[in-house]
Amino acid sequence: MRKLGGIPVDRRSPHSLVSQMAERLKNSDDLILAVPPEGTRKKVAVWKSGFYHIADEAGVPIGLGYLDYERKLCGLGKFVKPSGNITEDMNTIRAFYRNLRGKYPQLESEPRLREES
């Protein structure tokens, strides 16, 4: 991934990762940051929220990517500019993903962040 421009992340030491990534986005004209927010190996109750906080802090939109295994489609859908109202923004994101299915639908979780409660 580094040869493609990937930025390595030490997941054992996530301190200030959101701020570091937001700063990189602010200082680059062509950086695209891809962050998979949902668990990939098991069903999760809530999504990790770093993607939202990075975009909000950097002032950049969140591009909603998808792989719809059921219909054999993939792509980049709409863009959501974080408004600071997490619940409202996540309602928009939930509506986008509502009819998209992964390869293992039993492992899907509703897009929800811990901060929404």
PDB file of N, CA and C in Angstrom:
ATOM      1  N   MET A   1       0.812  -1.202   0.000  1.00  0.00           N
ATOM      2  CA  MET A   1       0.000   0.000   0.000  1.00  0.00           C
ATOM      3  C   MET A   1       0.857   1.268   0.000  1.00  0.00           C
ATOM      4  N   ARG A   2       2.015   1.216   0.618  1.00  0.00           N
ATOM      5  CA  ARG A   2       2.865   2.416   0.643  1.00  0.00           C
ATOM      6  C   ARG A   2       3.252   2.860  -0.756  1.00  0.00           C
ATOM      7  N   LYS A   3       3.489   1.917  -1.657  1.00  0.00           N
ATOM      8  CA  LYS A   3       3.852   2.266  -3.033  1.00  0.00           C
ATOM      9  C   LYS A   3       2.719   2.990  -3.745  1.00  0.00           C
ATOM     10  N   LEU A   4       1.495   2.777  -3.282  1.00  0.00           N
ATOM     11  CA  LEU A   4       0.346   3.472  -3.856  1.00  0.00           C
ATOM     12  C   LEU A   4       0.050   4.779  -3.124  1.00  0.00           C
ATOM     13  N   GLY A   5       0.877   5.097  -2.136  1.00  0.00           N
ATOM     14  CA  GLY A   5       0.686   6.332  -1.384  1.00  0.00           C
ATOM     15  C   GLY A   5       0.008   6.119  -0.049  1.00  0.00           C
ATOM     16  N   GLY A   6      -0.139   4.855   0.357  1.00  0.00           N
ATOM     17  CA  GLY A   6      -0.786   4.552   1.630  1.00  0.00           C
ATOM     18  C   GLY A   6      -0.017   5.104   2.811  1.00  0.00           C
ATOM     19  N   ILE A   7      -0.726   5.501   3.837  1.00  0.00           N
ATOM     20  CA  ILE A   7      -0.132   6.034   5.056  1.00  0.00           C
ATOM     21  C   ILE A   7      -0.254   4.961   6.129  1.00  0.00           C
ATOM     22  N   PRO A   8       0.865   4.435   6.610  1.00  0.00           N
ATOM     23  CA  PRO A   8       0.778   3.387   7.629  1.00  0.00           C
ATOM     24  C   PRO A   8       0.239   3.931   8.949  1.00  0.00           C
ATOM     25  N   VAL A   9      -0.535   3.108   9.633  1.00  0.00           N
ATOM     26  CA  VAL A   9      -1.126   3.486  10.909  1.00  0.00           C
ATOM     27  C   VAL A   9      -0.766   2.430  11.939  1.00  0.00           C
ATOM     28  N   ASP A  10      -0.248   2.864  13.070  1.00  0.00           N
ATOM     29  CA  ASP A  10       0.042   1.950  14.161  1.00  0.00           C
ATOM     30  C   ASP A  10      -1.215   1.862  15.013  1.00  0.00           C
ATOM     31  N   ARG A  11      -1.992   0.802  14.834  1.00  0.00           N
ATOM     32  CA  ARG A  11      -3.267   0.664  15.530  1.00  0.00           C
ATOM     33  C   ARG A  11      -3.098   0.424  17.021  1.00  0.00           C
ATOM     34  N   ARG A  12      -1.894   0.077  17.456  1.00  0.00           N
ATOM     35  CA  ARG A  12      -1.643  -0.105  18.887  1.00  0.00           C
ATOM     36  C   ARG A  12      -1.488   1.237  19.588  1.00  0.00           C
ATOM     37  N   SER A  13      -1.267   2.301  18.830  1.00  0.00           N
ATOM     38  CA  SER A  13      -1.065   3.626  19.403  1.00  0.00           C
ATOM     39  C   SER A  13      -1.872   4.668  18.622  1.00  0.00           C
ATOM     40  N   PRO A  14      -3.205   4.661  18.806  1.00  0.00           N
ATOM     41  CA  PRO A  14      -4.058   5.543  18.006  1.00  0.00           C
ATOM     42  C   PRO A  14      -4.140   6.988  18.494  1.00  0.00           C
ATOM     43  N   HIS A  15      -3.342   7.341  19.484  1.00  0.00           N
ATOM     44  CA  HIS A  15      -3.397   8.691  20.058  1.00  0.00           C
ATOM     45  C   HIS A  15      -3.202   9.750  18.984  1.00  0.00           C
ATOM     46  N   SER A  16      -4.080  10.678  18.932  1.00  0.00           N
ATOM     47  CA  SER A  16      -4.060  11.832  18.024  1.00  0.00           C
ATOM     48  C   SER A  16      -4.118  11.453  16.542  1.00  0.00           C
ATOM     49  N   LEU A  17      -4.534  10.250  16.228  1.00  0.00           N
ATOM     50  CA  LEU A  17      -4.625   9.832  14.831  1.00  0.00           C
ATOM     51  C   LEU A  17      -5.609  10.703  14.052  1.00  0.00           C
ATOM     52  N   VAL A  18      -6.759  11.013  14.649  1.00  0.00           N
ATOM     53  CA  VAL A  18      -7.753  11.852  13.974  1.00  0.00           C
ATOM     54  C   VAL A  18      -7.141  13.205  13.635  1.00  0.00           C
ATOM     55  N   SER A  19      -6.492  13.830  14.587  1.00  0.00           N
ATOM     56  CA  SER A  19      -5.885  15.150  14.350  1.00  0.00           C
ATOM     57  C   SER A  19      -4.776  15.082  13.308  1.00  0.00           C
ATOM     58  N   GLN A  20      -3.957  14.018  13.368  1.00  0.00           N
ATOM     59  CA  GLN A  20      -2.876  13.872  12.393  1.00  0.00           C
ATOM     60  C   GLN A  20      -3.420  13.733  10.974  1.00  0.00           C
ATOM     61  N   MET A  21      -4.434  12.903  10.803  1.00  0.00           N
ATOM     62  CA  MET A  21      -5.007  12.687   9.467  1.00  0.00           C
ATOM     63  C   MET A  21      -5.733  13.941   8.979  1.00  0.00           C
ATOM     64  N   ALA A  22      -6.432  14.616   9.877  1.00  0.00           N
ATOM     65  CA  ALA A  22      -7.128  15.853   9.503  1.00  0.00           C
ATOM     66  C   ALA A  22      -6.110  16.897   9.035  1.00  0.00           C
ATOM     67  N   GLU A  23      -4.996  16.997   9.739  1.00  0.00           N
ATOM     68  CA  GLU A  23      -3.955  17.960   9.364  1.00  0.00           C
ATOM     69  C   GLU A  23      -3.370  17.621   7.993  1.00  0.00           C
ATOM     70  N   ARG A  24      -3.137  16.343   7.735  1.00  0.00           N
ATOM     71  CA  ARG A  24      -2.623  15.936   6.416  1.00  0.00           C
ATOM     72  C   ARG A  24      -3.606  16.302   5.305  1.00  0.00           C
ATOM     73  N   LEU A  25      -4.891  16.091   5.562  1.00  0.00           N
ATOM     74  CA  LEU A  25      -5.903  16.443   4.557  1.00  0.00           C
ATOM     75  C   LEU A  25      -5.938  17.950   4.312  1.00  0.00           C
ATOM     76  N   LYS A  26      -5.844  18.728   5.369  1.00  0.00           N
ATOM     77  CA  LYS A  26      -5.868  20.189   5.244  1.00  0.00           C
ATOM     78  C   LYS A  26      -4.683  20.703   4.432  1.00  0.00           C
ATOM     79  N   ASN A  27      -3.536  20.031   4.561  1.00  0.00           N
ATOM     80  CA  ASN A  27      -2.309  20.502   3.923  1.00  0.00           C
ATOM     81  C   ASN A  27      -2.011  19.858   2.578  1.00  0.00           C
ATOM     82  N   SER A  28      -2.978  19.162   2.014  1.00  0.00           N
ATOM     83  CA  SER A  28      -2.759  18.495   0.730  1.00  0.00           C
ATOM     84  C   SER A  28      -3.880  18.843  -0.241  1.00  0.00           C
ATOM     85  N   ASP A  29      -3.496  19.064  -1.484  1.00  0.00           N
ATOM     86  CA  ASP A  29      -4.501  19.366  -2.507  1.00  0.00           C
ATOM     87  C   ASP A  29      -5.052  18.108  -3.167  1.00  0.00           C
ATOM     88  N   ASP A  30      -4.353  16.994  -3.011  1.00  0.00           N
ATOM     89  CA  ASP A  30      -4.789  15.799  -3.738  1.00  0.00           C
ATOM     90  C   ASP A  30      -4.810  14.521  -2.900  1.00  0.00           C
ATOM     91  N   LEU A  31      -4.851  14.637  -1.595  1.00  0.00           N
ATOM     92  CA  LEU A  31      -4.901  13.461  -0.736  1.00  0.00           C
ATOM     93  C   LEU A  31      -6.324  12.941  -0.633  1.00  0.00           C
ATOM     94  N   ILE A  32      -6.477  11.646  -0.813  1.00  0.00           N
ATOM     95  CA  ILE A  32      -7.759  10.976  -0.600  1.00  0.00           C
ATOM     96  C   ILE A  32      -7.530   9.960   0.498  1.00  0.00           C
ATOM     97  N   LEU A  33      -8.320  10.026   1.538  1.00  0.00           N
ATOM     98  CA  LEU A  33      -8.172   9.128   2.667  1.00  0.00           C
ATOM     99  C   LEU A  33      -9.314   8.124   2.651  1.00  0.00           C
ATOM    100  N   ALA A  34      -8.998   6.846   2.574  1.00  0.00           N
ATOM    101  CA  ALA A  34     -10.007   5.783   2.594  1.00  0.00           C
ATOM    102  C   ALA A  34      -9.981   5.132   3.965  1.00  0.00           C
ATOM    103  N   VAL A  35     -11.120   5.176   4.657  1.00  0.00           N
ATOM    104  CA  VAL A  35     -11.220   4.616   5.994  1.00  0.00           C
ATOM    105  C   VAL A  35     -12.437   3.700   6.051  1.00  0.00           C
ATOM    106  N   PRO A  36     -12.225   2.393   6.187  1.00  0.00           N
ATOM    107  CA  PRO A  36     -13.381   1.498   6.343  1.00  0.00           C
ATOM    108  C   PRO A  36     -13.877   1.548   7.790  1.00  0.00           C
ATOM    109  N   PRO A  37     -15.061   2.127   8.046  1.00  0.00           N
ATOM    110  CA  PRO A  37     -15.511   2.315   9.419  1.00  0.00           C
ATOM    111  C   PRO A  37     -16.110   1.089  10.082  1.00  0.00           C
ATOM    112  N   GLU A  38     -16.574   0.118   9.299  1.00  0.00           N
ATOM    113  CA  GLU A  38     -17.266  -1.034   9.877  1.00  0.00           C
ATOM    114  C   GLU A  38     -16.300  -2.189  10.064  1.00  0.00           C
ATOM    115  N   GLY A  39     -16.593  -3.039  11.038  1.00  0.00           N
ATOM    116  CA  GLY A  39     -15.798  -4.244  11.250  1.00  0.00           C
ATOM    117  C   GLY A  39     -15.870  -5.135  10.022  1.00  0.00           C
ATOM    118  N   THR A  40     -14.803  -5.817   9.711  1.00  0.00           N
ATOM    119  CA  THR A  40     -14.784  -6.649   8.513  1.00  0.00           C
ATOM    120  C   THR A  40     -14.796  -8.135   8.834  1.00  0.00           C
ATOM    121  N   ARG A  41     -14.628  -8.496  10.075  1.00  0.00           N
ATOM    122  CA  ARG A  41     -14.541  -9.918  10.409  1.00  0.00           C
ATOM    123  C   ARG A  41     -15.689 -10.413  11.268  1.00  0.00           C
ATOM    124  N   LYS A  42     -16.418  -9.493  11.868  1.00  0.00           N
ATOM    125  CA  LYS A  42     -17.538  -9.893  12.718  1.00  0.00           C
ATOM    126  C   LYS A  42     -18.558  -8.758  12.763  1.00  0.00           C
ATOM    127  N   LYS A  43     -19.746  -9.086  13.170  1.00  0.00           N
ATOM    128  CA  LYS A  43     -20.795  -8.085  13.297  1.00  0.00           C
ATOM    129  C   LYS A  43     -20.442  -7.147  14.447  1.00  0.00           C
ATOM    130  N   VAL A  44     -20.663  -5.863  14.253  1.00  0.00           N
ATOM    131  CA  VAL A  44     -20.345  -4.882  15.286  1.00  0.00           C
ATOM    132  C   VAL A  44     -21.607  -4.104  15.661  1.00  0.00           C
ATOM    133  N   ALA A  45     -21.676  -3.645  16.903  1.00  0.00           N
ATOM    134  CA  ALA A  45     -22.842  -2.887  17.372  1.00  0.00           C
ATOM    135  C   ALA A  45     -22.792  -1.446  16.868  1.00  0.00           C
ATOM    136  N   VAL A  46     -21.590  -0.871  16.830  1.00  0.00           N
ATOM    137  CA  VAL A  46     -21.435   0.504  16.356  1.00  0.00           C
ATOM    138  C   VAL A  46     -20.200   0.583  15.462  1.00  0.00           C
ATOM    139  N   TRP A  47     -20.234   1.533  14.549  1.00  0.00           N
ATOM    140  CA  TRP A  47     -19.083   1.767  13.673  1.00  0.00           C
ATOM    141  C   TRP A  47     -18.053   2.583  14.432  1.00  0.00           C
ATOM    142  N   LYS A  48     -16.801   2.441  14.048  1.00  0.00           N
ATOM    143  CA  LYS A  48     -15.754   3.322  14.560  1.00  0.00           C
ATOM    144  C   LYS A  48     -16.011   4.707  13.956  1.00  0.00           C
ATOM    145  N   SER A  49     -15.796   5.739  14.724  1.00  0.00           N
ATOM    146  CA  SER A  49     -16.196   7.084  14.304  1.00  0.00           C
ATOM    147  C   SER A  49     -15.070   7.953  13.766  1.00  0.00           C
ATOM    148  N   GLY A  50     -13.854   7.420  13.680  1.00  0.00           N
ATOM    149  CA  GLY A  50     -12.730   8.225  13.217  1.00  0.00           C
ATOM    150  C   GLY A  50     -12.957   8.863  11.869  1.00  0.00           C
ATOM    151  N   PHE A  51     -13.580   8.140  10.935  1.00  0.00           N
ATOM    152  CA  PHE A  51     -13.827   8.696   9.599  1.00  0.00           C
ATOM    153  C   PHE A  51     -14.621   9.992   9.679  1.00  0.00           C
ATOM    154  N   TYR A  52     -15.632  10.021  10.557  1.00  0.00           N
ATOM    155  CA  TYR A  52     -16.479  11.205  10.694  1.00  0.00           C
ATOM    156  C   TYR A  52     -15.683  12.362  11.299  1.00  0.00           C
ATOM    157  N   HIS A  53     -14.955  12.092  12.351  1.00  0.00           N
ATOM    158  CA  HIS A  53     -14.215  13.151  13.045  1.00  0.00           C
ATOM    159  C   HIS A  53     -13.062  13.696  12.204  1.00  0.00           C
ATOM    160  N   ILE A  54     -12.413  12.840  11.422  1.00  0.00           N
ATOM    161  CA  ILE A  54     -11.355  13.310  10.523  1.00  0.00           C
ATOM    162  C   ILE A  54     -11.943  14.265   9.497  1.00  0.00           C
ATOM    163  N   ALA A  55     -13.046  13.855   8.857  1.00  0.00           N
ATOM    164  CA  ALA A  55     -13.671  14.704   7.834  1.00  0.00           C
ATOM    165  C   ALA A  55     -14.171  16.015   8.433  1.00  0.00           C
ATOM    166  N   ASP A  56     -14.780  15.940   9.609  1.00  0.00           N
ATOM    167  CA  ASP A  56     -15.309  17.142  10.256  1.00  0.00           C
ATOM    168  C   ASP A  56     -14.179  18.108  10.596  1.00  0.00           C
ATOM    169  N   GLU A  57     -13.114  17.602  11.195  1.00  0.00           N
ATOM    170  CA  GLU A  57     -11.984  18.448  11.596  1.00  0.00           C
ATOM    171  C   GLU A  57     -11.244  19.030  10.390  1.00  0.00           C
ATOM    172  N   ALA A  58     -11.153  18.253   9.309  1.00  0.00           N
ATOM    173  CA  ALA A  58     -10.440  18.715   8.119  1.00  0.00           C
ATOM    174  C   ALA A  58     -11.324  19.577   7.218  1.00  0.00           C
ATOM    175  N   GLY A  59     -12.638  19.558   7.445  1.00  0.00           N
ATOM    176  CA  GLY A  59     -13.548  20.335   6.603  1.00  0.00           C
ATOM    177  C   GLY A  59     -13.702  19.747   5.215  1.00  0.00           C
ATOM    178  N   VAL A  60     -13.669  18.413   5.123  1.00  0.00           N
ATOM    179  CA  VAL A  60     -13.810  17.745   3.825  1.00  0.00           C
ATOM    180  C   VAL A  60     -15.035  16.831   3.851  1.00  0.00           C
ATOM    181  N   PRO A  61     -15.601  16.540   2.684  1.00  0.00           N
ATOM    182  CA  PRO A  61     -16.766  15.650   2.640  1.00  0.00           C
ATOM    183  C   PRO A  61     -16.376  14.186   2.808  1.00  0.00           C
ATOM    184  N   ILE A  62     -17.355  13.394   3.208  1.00  0.00           N
ATOM    185  CA  ILE A  62     -17.209  11.944   3.325  1.00  0.00           C
ATOM    186  C   ILE A  62     -17.810  11.344   2.054  1.00  0.00           C
ATOM    187  N   GLY A  63     -16.991  10.639   1.290  1.00  0.00           N
ATOM    188  CA  GLY A  63     -17.488   9.955   0.090  1.00  0.00           C
ATOM    189  C   GLY A  63     -17.958   8.568   0.481  1.00  0.00           C
ATOM    190  N   LEU A  64     -19.190   8.240   0.144  1.00  0.00           N
ATOM    191  CA  LEU A  64     -19.762   6.954   0.534  1.00  0.00           C
ATOM    192  C   LEU A  64     -19.493   5.912  -0.545  1.00  0.00           C
ATOM    193  N   GLY A  65     -18.523   5.052  -0.288  1.00  0.00           N
ATOM    194  CA  GLY A  65     -18.191   3.984  -1.216  1.00  0.00           C
ATOM    195  C   GLY A  65     -18.985   2.734  -0.880  1.00  0.00           C
ATOM    196  N   TYR A  66     -19.115   1.857  -1.844  1.00  0.00           N
ATOM    197  CA  TYR A  66     -19.881   0.642  -1.583  1.00  0.00           C
ATOM    198  C   TYR A  66     -19.472  -0.507  -2.500  1.00  0.00           C
ATOM    199  N   LEU A  67     -19.702  -1.712  -1.995  1.00  0.00           N
ATOM    200  CA  LEU A  67     -19.613  -2.949  -2.756  1.00  0.00           C
ATOM    201  C   LEU A  67     -20.945  -3.647  -2.502  1.00  0.00           C
ATOM    202  N   ASP A  68     -21.813  -3.682  -3.500  1.00  0.00           N
ATOM    203  CA  ASP A  68     -23.114  -4.341  -3.359  1.00  0.00           C
ATOM    204  C   ASP A  68     -22.987  -5.723  -3.980  1.00  0.00           C
ATOM    205  N   TYR A  69     -22.721  -6.687  -3.140  1.00  0.00           N
ATOM    206  CA  TYR A  69     -22.467  -8.053  -3.610  1.00  0.00           C
ATOM    207  C   TYR A  69     -23.707  -8.653  -4.274  1.00  0.00           C
ATOM    208  N   GLU A  70     -24.875  -8.365  -3.720  1.00  0.00           N
ATOM    209  CA  GLU A  70     -26.127  -8.924  -4.233  1.00  0.00           C
ATOM    210  C   GLU A  70     -26.373  -8.533  -5.687  1.00  0.00           C
ATOM    211  N   ARG A  71     -26.136  -7.271  -6.021  1.00  0.00           N
ATOM    212  CA  ARG A  71     -26.379  -6.784  -7.396  1.00  0.00           C
ATOM    213  C   ARG A  71     -25.107  -6.683  -8.226  1.00  0.00           C
ATOM    214  N   LYS A  72     -23.979  -7.091  -7.645  1.00  0.00           N
ATOM    215  CA  LYS A  72     -22.676  -7.055  -8.338  1.00  0.00           C
ATOM    216  C   LYS A  72     -22.351  -5.638  -8.809  1.00  0.00           C
ATOM    217  N   LEU A  73     -22.474  -4.686  -7.888  1.00  0.00           N
ATOM    218  CA  LEU A  73     -22.181  -3.280  -8.176  1.00  0.00           C
ATOM    219  C   LEU A  73     -21.169  -2.756  -7.165  1.00  0.00           C
ATOM    220  N   CYS A  74     -20.359  -1.829  -7.610  1.00  0.00           N
ATOM    221  CA  CYS A  74     -19.473  -1.132  -6.685  1.00  0.00           C
ATOM    222  C   CYS A  74     -19.349   0.300  -7.170  1.00  0.00           C
ATOM    223  N   GLY A  75     -18.967   1.164  -6.277  1.00  0.00           N
ATOM    224  CA  GLY A  75     -18.798   2.534  -6.701  1.00  0.00           C
ATOM    225  C   GLY A  75     -18.641   3.503  -5.554  1.00  0.00           C
ATOM    226  N   LEU A  76     -18.684   4.743  -5.913  1.00  0.00           N
ATOM    227  CA  LEU A  76     -18.634   5.844  -4.967  1.00  0.00           C
ATOM    228  C   LEU A  76     -19.937   6.598  -5.135  1.00  0.00           C
ATOM    229  N   GLY A  77     -20.710   6.634  -4.086  1.00  0.00           N
ATOM    230  CA  GLY A  77     -22.030   7.271  -4.153  1.00  0.00           C
ATOM    231  C   GLY A  77     -21.953   8.737  -3.818  1.00  0.00           C
ATOM    232  N   LYS A  78     -22.862   9.173  -2.992  1.00  0.00           N
ATOM    233  CA  LYS A  78     -22.933  10.588  -2.657  1.00  0.00           C
ATOM    234  C   LYS A  78     -21.836  11.001  -1.688  1.00  0.00           C
ATOM    235  N   PHE A  79     -21.687  12.300  -1.524  1.00  0.00           N
ATOM    236  CA  PHE A  79     -20.741  12.874  -0.579  1.00  0.00           C
ATOM    237  C   PHE A  79     -21.527  13.573   0.517  1.00  0.00           C
ATOM    238  N   VAL A  80     -21.105  13.373   1.754  1.00  0.00           N
ATOM    239  CA  VAL A  80     -21.770  13.987   2.904  1.00  0.00           C
ATOM    240  C   VAL A  80     -20.767  14.897   3.596  1.00  0.00           C
ATOM    241  N   LYS A  81     -21.075  16.185   3.655  1.00  0.00           N
ATOM    242  CA  LYS A  81     -20.219  17.153   4.348  1.00  0.00           C
ATOM    243  C   LYS A  81     -20.666  17.184   5.806  1.00  0.00           C
ATOM    244  N   PRO A  82     -19.806  16.793   6.735  1.00  0.00           N
ATOM    245  CA  PRO A  82     -20.198  16.792   8.141  1.00  0.00           C
ATOM    246  C   PRO A  82     -20.682  18.171   8.595  1.00  0.00           C
ATOM    247  N   SER A  83     -21.845  18.183   9.234  1.00  0.00           N
ATOM    248  CA  SER A  83     -22.444  19.435   9.683  1.00  0.00           C
ATOM    249  C   SER A  83     -22.172  19.700  11.162  1.00  0.00           C
ATOM    250  N   GLY A  84     -21.643  18.684  11.853  1.00  0.00           N
ATOM    251  CA  GLY A  84     -21.488  18.793  13.296  1.00  0.00           C
ATOM    252  C   GLY A  84     -22.654  18.138  14.026  1.00  0.00           C
ATOM    253  N   ASN A  85     -23.755  17.913  13.319  1.00  0.00           N
ATOM    254  CA  ASN A  85     -24.898  17.192  13.882  1.00  0.00           C
ATOM    255  C   ASN A  85     -24.735  15.727  13.478  1.00  0.00           C
ATOM    256  N   ILE A  86     -24.090  14.963  14.345  1.00  0.00           N
ATOM    257  CA  ILE A  86     -23.729  13.582  14.008  1.00  0.00           C
ATOM    258  C   ILE A  86     -24.962  12.754  13.663  1.00  0.00           C
ATOM    259  N   THR A  87     -26.025  12.871  14.444  1.00  0.00           N
ATOM    260  CA  THR A  87     -27.222  12.054  14.195  1.00  0.00           C
ATOM    261  C   THR A  87     -27.826  12.363  12.833  1.00  0.00           C
ATOM    262  N   GLU A  88     -27.938  13.622  12.498  1.00  0.00           N
ATOM    263  CA  GLU A  88     -28.499  14.014  11.197  1.00  0.00           C
ATOM    264  C   GLU A  88     -27.619  13.511  10.052  1.00  0.00           C
ATOM    265  N   ASP A  89     -26.322  13.685  10.181  1.00  0.00           N
ATOM    266  CA  ASP A  89     -25.398  13.218   9.140  1.00  0.00           C
ATOM    267  C   ASP A  89     -25.448  11.700   9.012  1.00  0.00           C
ATOM    268  N   MET A  90     -25.511  11.003  10.144  1.00  0.00           N
ATOM    269  CA  MET A  90     -25.569   9.540  10.101  1.00  0.00           C
ATOM    270  C   MET A  90     -26.912   9.056   9.561  1.00  0.00           C
ATOM    271  N   ASN A  91     -27.988   9.799   9.759  1.00  0.00           N
ATOM    272  CA  ASN A  91     -29.273   9.436   9.136  1.00  0.00           C
ATOM    273  C   ASN A  91     -29.146   9.451   7.618  1.00  0.00           C
ATOM    274  N   THR A  92     -28.421  10.430   7.087  1.00  0.00           N
ATOM    275  CA  THR A  92     -28.166  10.507   5.645  1.00  0.00           C
ATOM    276  C   THR A  92     -27.341   9.303   5.191  1.00  0.00           C
ATOM    277  N   ILE A  93     -26.329   8.967   5.957  1.00  0.00           N
ATOM    278  CA  ILE A  93     -25.465   7.831   5.617  1.00  0.00           C
ATOM    279  C   ILE A  93     -26.249   6.520   5.698  1.00  0.00           C
ATOM    280  N   ARG A  94     -27.062   6.366   6.746  1.00  0.00           N
ATOM    281  CA  ARG A  94     -27.889   5.151   6.880  1.00  0.00           C
ATOM    282  C   ARG A  94     -28.830   4.995   5.694  1.00  0.00           C
ATOM    283  N   ALA A  95     -29.452   6.087   5.287  1.00  0.00           N
ATOM    284  CA  ALA A  95     -30.381   6.029   4.148  1.00  0.00           C
ATOM    285  C   ALA A  95     -29.655   5.579   2.880  1.00  0.00           C
ATOM    286  N   PHE A  96     -28.422   6.042   2.689  1.00  0.00           N
ATOM    287  CA  PHE A  96     -27.659   5.650   1.504  1.00  0.00           C
ATOM    288  C   PHE A  96     -27.376   4.154   1.496  1.00  0.00           C
ATOM    289  N   TYR A  97     -26.966   3.603   2.636  1.00  0.00           N
ATOM    290  CA  TYR A  97     -26.562   2.197   2.707  1.00  0.00           C
ATOM    291  C   TYR A  97     -27.721   1.225   2.931  1.00  0.00           C
ATOM    292  N   ARG A  98     -28.914   1.731   3.152  1.00  0.00           N
ATOM    293  CA  ARG A  98     -30.058   0.894   3.533  1.00  0.00           C
ATOM    294  C   ARG A  98     -30.291  -0.299   2.602  1.00  0.00           C
ATOM    295  N   ASN A  99     -30.176  -0.134   1.294  1.00  0.00           N
ATOM    296  CA  ASN A  99     -30.493  -1.209   0.350  1.00  0.00           C
ATOM    297  C   ASN A  99     -29.268  -1.854  -0.289  1.00  0.00           C
ATOM    298  N   LEU A 100     -28.113  -1.628   0.283  1.00  0.00           N
ATOM    299  CA  LEU A 100     -26.888  -2.244  -0.240  1.00  0.00           C
ATOM    300  C   LEU A 100     -26.551  -3.469   0.602  1.00  0.00           C
ATOM    301  N   ARG A 101     -26.166  -4.556  -0.043  1.00  0.00           N
ATOM    302  CA  ARG A 101     -25.880  -5.820   0.656  1.00  0.00           C
ATOM    303  C   ARG A 101     -24.448  -6.262   0.428  1.00  0.00           C
ATOM    304  N   GLY A 102     -23.802  -6.674   1.488  1.00  0.00           N
ATOM    305  CA  GLY A 102     -22.464  -7.237   1.398  1.00  0.00           C
ATOM    306  C   GLY A 102     -22.529  -8.721   1.085  1.00  0.00           C
ATOM    307  N   LYS A 103     -21.380  -9.318   0.983  1.00  0.00           N
ATOM    308  CA  LYS A 103     -21.312 -10.749   0.681  1.00  0.00           C
ATOM    309  C   LYS A 103     -21.914 -11.577   1.818  1.00  0.00           C
ATOM    310  N   TYR A 104     -21.753 -11.118   3.052  1.00  0.00           N
ATOM    311  CA  TYR A 104     -22.271 -11.829   4.213  1.00  0.00           C
ATOM    312  C   TYR A 104     -23.272 -10.937   4.953  1.00  0.00           C
ATOM    313  N   PRO A 105     -24.511 -10.869   4.474  1.00  0.00           N
ATOM    314  CA  PRO A 105     -25.508  -9.976   5.080  1.00  0.00           C
ATOM    315  C   PRO A 105     -25.706 -10.201   6.581  1.00  0.00           C
ATOM    316  N   GLN A 106     -25.474 -11.414   7.041  1.00  0.00           N
ATOM    317  CA  GLN A 106     -25.646 -11.703   8.471  1.00  0.00           C
ATOM    318  C   GLN A 106     -24.607 -10.979   9.326  1.00  0.00           C
ATOM    319  N   LEU A 107     -23.546 -10.478   8.716  1.00  0.00           N
ATOM    320  CA  LEU A 107     -22.515  -9.745   9.452  1.00  0.00           C
ATOM    321  C   LEU A 107     -22.671  -8.225   9.334  1.00  0.00           C
ATOM    322  N   GLU A 108     -23.671  -7.788   8.583  1.00  0.00           N
ATOM    323  CA  GLU A 108     -23.882  -6.346   8.402  1.00  0.00           C
ATOM    324  C   GLU A 108     -24.372  -5.713   9.694  1.00  0.00           C
ATOM    325  N   SER A 109     -24.020  -4.467   9.876  1.00  0.00           N
ATOM    326  CA  SER A 109     -24.543  -3.700  11.001  1.00  0.00           C
ATOM    327  C   SER A 109     -25.026  -2.360  10.480  1.00  0.00           C
ATOM    328  N   GLU A 110     -26.009  -1.825  11.147  1.00  0.00           N
ATOM    329  CA  GLU A 110     -26.523  -0.512  10.763  1.00  0.00           C
ATOM    330  C   GLU A 110     -25.446   0.532  11.031  1.00  0.00           C
ATOM    331  N   PRO A 111     -25.248   1.461  10.092  1.00  0.00           N
ATOM    332  CA  PRO A 111     -24.272   2.535  10.340  1.00  0.00           C
ATOM    333  C   PRO A 111     -24.690   3.389  11.545  1.00  0.00           C
ATOM    334  N   ARG A 112     -24.068   3.192  12.663  1.00  0.00           N
ATOM    335  CA  ARG A 112     -24.383   3.927  13.883  1.00  0.00           C
ATOM    336  C   ARG A 112     -23.100   4.180  14.645  1.00  0.00           C
ATOM    337  N   LEU A 113     -22.958   5.387  15.169  1.00  0.00           N
ATOM    338  CA  LEU A 113     -21.777   5.751  15.940  1.00  0.00           C
ATOM    339  C   LEU A 113     -22.123   5.808  17.431  1.00  0.00           C
ATOM    340  N   ARG A 114     -21.178   5.474  18.263  1.00  0.00           N
ATOM    341  CA  ARG A 114     -21.381   5.509  19.704  1.00  0.00           C
ATOM    342  C   ARG A 114     -21.822   6.912  20.159  1.00  0.00           C
ATOM    343  N   GLU A 115     -21.305   7.937  19.508  1.00  0.00           N
ATOM    344  CA  GLU A 115     -21.618   9.325  19.889  1.00  0.00           C
ATOM    345  C   GLU A 115     -23.072   9.716  19.651  1.00  0.00           C
ATOM    346  N   GLU A 116     -23.814   8.903  18.927  1.00  0.00           N
ATOM    347  CA  GLU A 116     -25.212   9.241  18.650  1.00  0.00           C
ATOM    348  C   GLU A 116     -26.132   9.014  19.828  1.00  0.00           C
ATOM    349  N   SER A 117     -25.731   8.235  20.817  1.00  0.00           N
ATOM    350  CA  SER A 117     -26.637   7.897  21.919  1.00  0.00           C
ATOM    351  C   SER A 117     -26.875   9.029  22.884  1.00  0.00           C
TER     352      SER A 117
END
